[in-house]
Amino acid sequence: MASLEKMGSLTPVKPSPLRPLLLSMAIMLGLLGGTLIVRQMIQEAQEMEQQNLLRQQSTDQRMKEMEAEAAALKAKNLRENELRLRASEQRKAEAAAQQEKTNAARQADLATRRRISVKPAVLSLFNRAEHGDPEAQYLAGILSRSGLGAMGTFNPDGTPNALYPQILYPVLGENLSRPKPSGLLFVDLPDLPPNEAASHRWFLRAALQGHGAAQVELARECSFTGPHYDLTEALKWYLLSEAMYVDATGLIHSNRYMDDTGSMHTAKTPAGGRHYIPEGLVNATEMAEAKKRAAAFKPKKETH
């Protein structure tokens, strides 16, 4: 009985008729899943490629826009530079035209002015000074000390900025106050380098002849520290000079005056006036000696 049961358990099981179907379905599902995965991968790859393409197109578009902007900016800069250049050229042309107009007006003005040659008058002055003219010697001393600036200041074209008549007119030998300075043109201006030693010599020569203005210049030279410092001599020359005086109220005046010809003269000190002596210069001992020297002084004309 047991053997029969055992034999019965070894009986082969018949295969299920659905197995092939299920196997086929499993294979089909596997293939379908793989296909879907492949499709998904392909789709993702296509989408990625599409995105890359779009990004590239966007980049290309931006590059084109930037190139267009750069080209537009360059064109704008070129136009602006061209406009600036034209404006600059226009301004230069206008300035040149204005300068030409100004120069023409200046030349026309200069052509109408009276030309005054200065150098011959200066040479003549020094010649008169050398031959003993005390007024010429005084003026020569002023020119030797201060140069051309003693007569005035002049532009390079000879037009005057400022004129100092009390020196210029006597040097030129003419009173130029009637024609206005704006109508004068000074040409042939001499080179007059300052020379203090020569200035002192001219003042001394004129002062020894009794020239009051030259005596004041010598007094000033002797009043200050320098090669000619001598307070007694300074007081002596102040006491002798008639070029300046102090009135009863203490006001300082000049006795120098110009005539119609432009020549300078020295008048006598009026009654009540006294010799000009700077305050603080007077010393009793030196004044006493200065008065002695002044009393002993005798002007002596030069002879040639």
Protein backbone atom coordinates (compact mmCIF):
# COMPACT_ATOMS: atom_id res chain seq x y z
CA MET A 1 0.00 0.00 0.00
CA ALA A 2 2.81 2.22 0.91
CA SER A 3 4.58 1.30 -2.27
CA LEU A 4 1.54 2.19 -4.29
CA GLU A 5 1.35 5.61 -2.63
CA LYS A 6 5.00 6.17 -3.32
CA MET A 7 4.63 5.23 -6.89
CA GLY A 8 1.66 7.51 -7.16
CA SER A 9 3.72 10.50 -5.96
CA LEU A 10 6.25 10.04 -8.76
CA THR A 11 3.70 10.52 -11.44
CA PRO A 12 4.86 13.42 -13.73
CA VAL A 13 2.92 16.72 -13.60
CA LYS A 14 1.57 17.89 -16.91
CA PRO A 15 2.84 21.40 -18.01
CA SER A 16 0.34 24.27 -17.84
CA PRO A 17 -0.97 25.28 -21.23
CA LEU A 18 -0.61 28.96 -20.14
CA ARG A 19 3.12 28.76 -19.53
CA PRO A 20 4.17 29.51 -23.07
CA LEU A 21 1.71 32.34 -23.13
CA LEU A 22 2.95 33.71 -19.89
CA LEU A 23 6.52 33.32 -21.07
CA SER A 24 5.69 35.04 -24.31
CA MET A 25 3.97 37.80 -22.44
CA ALA A 26 6.94 38.17 -20.14
CA ILE A 27 9.26 38.39 -23.11
CA MET A 28 6.95 40.84 -24.79
CA LEU A 29 6.74 42.94 -21.67
CA GLY A 30 10.52 42.92 -21.40
CA LEU A 31 10.88 43.92 -24.99
CA LEU A 32 8.22 46.57 -24.57
CA GLY A 33 9.93 47.94 -21.43
CA GLY A 34 13.28 48.01 -23.19
CA THR A 35 11.69 49.73 -26.15
CA LEU A 36 10.12 52.30 -23.88
CA ILE A 37 13.41 52.88 -22.13
CA VAL A 38 15.21 53.24 -25.43
CA ARG A 39 12.51 55.57 -26.64
CA GLN A 40 12.76 57.56 -23.43
CA MET A 41 16.52 57.76 -23.85
CA ILE A 42 16.17 58.76 -27.47
CA GLN A 43 13.55 61.35 -26.56
CA GLU A 44 15.74 62.77 -23.80
CA ALA A 45 18.70 62.84 -26.15
CA GLN A 46 16.62 64.62 -28.76
CA GLU A 47 15.33 67.08 -26.18
CA MET A 48 18.86 67.71 -24.95
CA GLU A 49 20.04 68.19 -28.51
CA GLN A 50 17.12 70.54 -29.10
CA GLN A 51 18.00 72.52 -25.96
CA ASN A 52 21.64 72.71 -27.03
CA LEU A 53 20.53 73.85 -30.44
CA LEU A 54 18.29 76.50 -28.88
CA ARG A 55 21.10 77.62 -26.57
CA GLN A 56 23.47 77.80 -29.53
CA GLN A 57 20.91 79.75 -31.52
CA SER A 58 20.39 82.06 -28.55
CA THR A 59 24.14 82.49 -28.19
CA ASP A 60 24.50 83.14 -31.91
CA GLN A 61 21.65 85.61 -31.76
CA ARG A 62 23.23 87.43 -28.80
CA MET A 63 26.56 87.52 -30.57
CA LYS A 64 24.89 89.03 -33.60
CA GLU A 65 23.14 91.57 -31.42
CA MET A 66 26.39 92.44 -29.66
CA GLU A 67 28.16 92.77 -32.99
CA ALA A 68 25.33 94.98 -34.22
CA GLU A 69 25.50 97.09 -31.04
CA ALA A 70 29.28 97.38 -31.36
CA ALA A 71 28.96 98.35 -35.02
CA ALA A 72 26.28 100.91 -34.15
CA LEU A 73 28.42 102.32 -31.33
CA LYS A 74 31.43 102.49 -33.61
CA ALA A 75 29.38 104.24 -36.27
CA LYS A 76 28.03 106.64 -33.64
CA ASN A 77 31.53 107.37 -32.35
CA LEU A 78 32.75 107.95 -35.89
CA ARG A 79 29.90 110.37 -36.52
CA GLU A 80 30.52 112.18 -33.24
CA ASN A 81 34.27 112.35 -33.91
CA GLU A 82 33.57 113.66 -37.37
CA LEU A 83 31.21 116.28 -35.93
CA ARG A 84 33.76 117.27 -33.30
CA LEU A 85 36.47 117.49 -35.94
CA ARG A 86 34.27 119.64 -38.14
CA ALA A 87 33.38 121.85 -35.18
CA SER A 88 37.05 122.14 -34.23
CA GLU A 89 38.01 123.01 -37.79
CA GLN A 90 35.18 125.52 -37.88
CA ARG A 91 36.37 127.13 -34.66
CA LYS A 92 39.94 127.22 -35.95
CA ALA A 93 38.78 128.79 -39.19
CA GLU A 94 36.71 131.36 -37.30
CA ALA A 95 39.62 132.09 -34.93
CA ALA A 96 42.01 132.45 -37.87
CA ALA A 97 39.58 134.76 -39.62
CA GLN A 98 39.14 136.80 -36.46
CA GLN A 99 42.90 136.93 -35.91
CA GLU A 100 43.41 138.02 -39.48
CA LYS A 101 40.76 140.69 -39.00
CA THR A 102 42.38 141.79 -35.74
CA ASN A 103 45.83 141.89 -37.35
CA ALA A 104 44.51 143.91 -40.27
CA ALA A 105 42.86 146.37 -37.88
CA ARG A 106 46.07 146.51 -35.83
CA GLN A 107 48.18 147.19 -38.91
CA ALA A 108 45.74 149.84 -40.03
CA ASP A 109 45.96 151.44 -36.59
CA LEU A 110 49.77 151.30 -36.56
CA ALA A 111 49.88 152.86 -40.02
CA THR A 112 48.02 155.95 -38.76
CA ARG A 113 50.27 156.47 -35.72
CA ARG A 114 53.10 158.93 -35.53
CA ARG A 115 56.40 157.05 -35.46
CA ILE A 116 58.94 158.25 -32.91
CA SER A 117 62.47 156.88 -33.09
CA VAL A 118 63.83 156.67 -29.55
CA LYS A 119 67.41 155.48 -29.98
CA PRO A 120 68.74 158.58 -31.83
CA ALA A 121 67.26 160.80 -29.09
CA VAL A 122 68.95 158.71 -26.37
CA LEU A 123 72.30 158.80 -28.17
CA SER A 124 71.98 162.56 -28.55
CA LEU A 125 71.17 162.88 -24.84
CA PHE A 126 74.29 160.94 -23.77
CA ASN A 127 76.36 163.02 -26.16
CA ARG A 128 75.09 166.25 -24.58
CA ALA A 129 75.72 164.79 -21.15
CA GLU A 130 79.29 163.92 -22.06
CA HIS A 131 79.78 167.50 -23.23
CA GLY A 132 78.71 168.95 -19.88
CA ASP A 133 74.94 169.59 -20.07
CA PRO A 134 73.81 169.09 -16.43
CA GLU A 135 70.17 168.34 -17.29
CA ALA A 136 71.32 165.75 -19.85
CA GLN A 137 73.68 164.32 -17.21
CA TYR A 138 70.81 163.99 -14.74
CA LEU A 139 68.64 162.22 -17.34
CA ALA A 140 71.59 160.01 -18.32
CA GLY A 141 71.89 159.03 -14.66
CA ILE A 142 68.19 158.08 -14.54
CA LEU A 143 68.47 155.99 -17.74
CA SER A 144 71.69 154.33 -16.53
CA ARG A 145 69.99 153.37 -13.30
CA SER A 146 66.55 152.25 -14.56
CA GLY A 147 67.05 151.54 -18.26
CA LEU A 148 64.30 151.93 -20.84
CA GLY A 149 61.68 151.51 -18.11
CA ALA A 150 62.49 155.01 -16.84
CA MET A 151 60.74 156.41 -19.93
CA GLY A 152 57.80 154.02 -20.05
CA THR A 153 56.69 150.50 -20.89
CA PHE A 154 56.17 149.45 -24.49
CA ASN A 155 54.62 146.53 -26.36
CA PRO A 156 56.76 144.57 -28.84
CA ASP A 157 55.12 146.45 -31.72
CA GLY A 158 56.12 149.81 -30.20
CA THR A 159 52.75 150.87 -28.85
CA PRO A 160 53.02 152.30 -25.32
CA ASN A 161 51.49 150.80 -22.22
CA ALA A 162 52.58 153.62 -19.94
CA LEU A 163 54.66 156.77 -20.49
CA TYR A 164 56.62 158.71 -17.87
CA PRO A 165 56.66 162.25 -19.29
CA GLN A 166 59.15 163.83 -16.88
CA ILE A 167 61.86 161.54 -18.27
CA LEU A 168 60.61 160.61 -21.75
CA TYR A 169 59.70 164.07 -23.01
CA PRO A 170 63.00 165.72 -22.00
CA VAL A 171 64.92 162.79 -23.54
CA LEU A 172 63.00 163.18 -26.80
CA GLY A 173 63.15 166.97 -26.59
CA GLU A 174 59.44 167.26 -27.25
CA ASN A 175 56.26 167.62 -25.27
CA LEU A 176 54.02 164.75 -26.43
CA SER A 177 51.08 165.50 -24.18
CA ARG A 178 49.09 167.05 -27.01
CA PRO A 179 48.83 164.05 -29.35
CA LYS A 180 47.39 161.34 -27.18
CA PRO A 181 49.70 158.36 -26.46
CA SER A 182 47.24 156.19 -28.36
CA GLY A 183 48.36 158.01 -31.51
CA LEU A 184 52.07 157.35 -31.01
CA LEU A 185 54.32 154.50 -32.09
CA PHE A 186 57.77 154.19 -30.52
CA VAL A 187 60.31 152.48 -32.76
CA ASP A 188 64.03 151.76 -32.60
CA LEU A 189 63.89 151.28 -28.85
CA PRO A 190 67.43 151.08 -27.42
CA ASP A 191 68.83 148.42 -25.12
CA LEU A 192 69.70 150.17 -21.85
CA PRO A 193 71.06 147.71 -19.28
CA PRO A 194 71.15 149.16 -15.74
CA ASN A 195 74.56 150.42 -14.63
CA GLU A 196 74.62 151.79 -11.06
CA ALA A 197 78.24 152.95 -11.26
CA ALA A 198 77.60 154.95 -14.43
CA SER A 199 74.41 156.33 -12.92
CA HIS A 200 76.31 157.63 -9.88
CA ARG A 201 78.95 159.26 -12.07
CA TRP A 202 76.32 161.13 -14.11
CA PHE A 203 74.47 162.31 -10.99
CA LEU A 204 77.73 163.51 -9.41
CA ARG A 205 78.75 165.47 -12.52
CA ALA A 206 75.36 167.16 -12.68
CA ALA A 207 75.23 167.80 -8.93
CA LEU A 208 78.64 169.48 -8.95
CA GLN A 209 77.24 171.89 -11.52
CA GLY A 210 74.37 172.75 -9.17
CA HIS A 211 71.63 170.55 -10.67
CA GLY A 212 69.02 170.23 -7.90
CA ALA A 213 67.38 166.96 -9.00
CA ALA A 214 70.78 165.28 -9.37
CA GLN A 215 71.70 166.53 -5.88
CA VAL A 216 68.57 164.85 -4.47
CA GLU A 217 69.55 161.58 -6.18
CA LEU A 218 73.03 161.77 -4.67
CA ALA A 219 71.54 162.53 -1.25
CA ARG A 220 69.37 159.42 -1.50
CA GLU A 221 72.34 157.28 -2.53
CA CYS A 222 74.32 158.55 0.48
CA SER A 223 71.39 157.89 2.83
CA PHE A 224 71.30 154.12 2.40
CA THR A 225 73.81 151.40 3.11
CA GLY A 226 75.97 150.89 0.05
CA PRO A 227 79.18 152.05 -1.63
CA HIS A 228 78.18 155.73 -1.29
CA TYR A 229 76.79 155.68 2.27
CA ASP A 230 77.66 158.96 4.02
CA LEU A 231 74.98 160.73 6.09
CA THR A 232 76.92 163.99 6.23
CA GLU A 233 77.18 164.07 2.46
CA ALA A 234 73.47 163.14 2.20
CA LEU A 235 72.53 166.10 4.41
CA LYS A 236 74.83 168.40 2.43
CA TRP A 237 73.16 167.55 -0.88
CA TYR A 238 69.67 167.90 0.61
CA LEU A 239 70.64 171.35 1.95
CA LEU A 240 71.94 172.41 -1.46
CA SER A 241 69.09 171.09 -3.61
CA GLU A 242 66.31 173.35 -4.83
CA ALA A 243 64.45 170.48 -6.49
CA MET A 244 62.19 169.81 -3.50
CA TYR A 245 60.92 171.82 -0.57
CA VAL A 246 58.58 171.61 2.41
CA ASP A 247 55.95 174.30 2.91
CA ALA A 248 54.79 175.80 6.22
CA THR A 249 52.17 173.05 6.66
CA GLY A 250 54.71 170.26 6.23
CA LEU A 251 53.66 169.25 2.69
CA ILE A 252 56.43 168.21 0.29
CA HIS A 253 56.55 169.86 -3.15
CA SER A 254 58.67 169.63 -6.28
CA ASN A 255 60.20 172.68 -7.93
CA ARG A 256 60.65 170.77 -11.19
CA TYR A 257 58.33 171.75 -14.05
CA MET A 258 58.06 171.09 -17.78
CA ASP A 259 57.74 173.78 -20.45
CA ASP A 260 55.89 173.52 -23.75
CA THR A 261 58.94 172.05 -25.49
CA GLY A 262 59.16 169.13 -23.05
CA SER A 263 62.24 170.46 -21.25
CA MET A 264 62.41 170.29 -17.44
CA HIS A 265 63.42 173.23 -15.27
CA THR A 266 63.90 173.85 -11.54
CA ALA A 267 62.27 176.87 -9.93
CA LYS A 268 63.42 178.67 -6.82
CA THR A 269 61.98 177.59 -3.49
CA PRO A 270 59.15 179.98 -2.59
CA ALA A 271 59.26 182.16 0.50
CA GLY A 272 58.37 180.22 3.60
CA GLY A 273 59.59 176.96 2.13
CA ARG A 274 62.50 174.99 3.52
CA HIS A 275 64.83 172.33 2.16
CA TYR A 276 63.41 168.82 2.05
CA ILE A 277 65.22 166.42 4.39
CA PRO A 278 63.68 163.01 5.19
CA GLU A 279 62.55 162.58 8.79
CA GLY A 280 64.95 160.59 10.97
CA LEU A 281 67.98 161.51 8.87
CA VAL A 282 68.98 164.60 10.84
CA ASN A 283 71.75 164.27 13.41
CA ALA A 284 73.04 167.39 15.21
CA THR A 285 76.74 166.64 14.78
CA GLU A 286 76.41 165.55 11.16
CA MET A 287 74.08 168.47 10.38
CA ALA A 288 76.63 170.96 11.63
CA GLU A 289 79.30 169.48 9.36
CA ALA A 290 76.81 169.22 6.46
CA LYS A 291 75.98 172.93 6.78
CA LYS A 292 79.69 173.79 6.64
CA ARG A 293 80.14 171.71 3.50
CA ALA A 294 77.03 173.20 1.93
CA ALA A 295 78.20 176.74 2.70
CA ALA A 296 81.60 175.98 1.14
CA PHE A 297 80.09 174.41 -1.99
CA LYS A 298 80.40 176.38 -5.19
CA PRO A 299 78.78 174.94 -8.33
CA LYS A 300 81.22 174.73 -11.20
CA LYS A 301 80.18 174.42 -14.80
CA GLU A 302 82.03 171.92 -16.94
CA THR A 303 83.98 173.28 -19.86
CA HIS A 304 84.68 171.32 -23.01
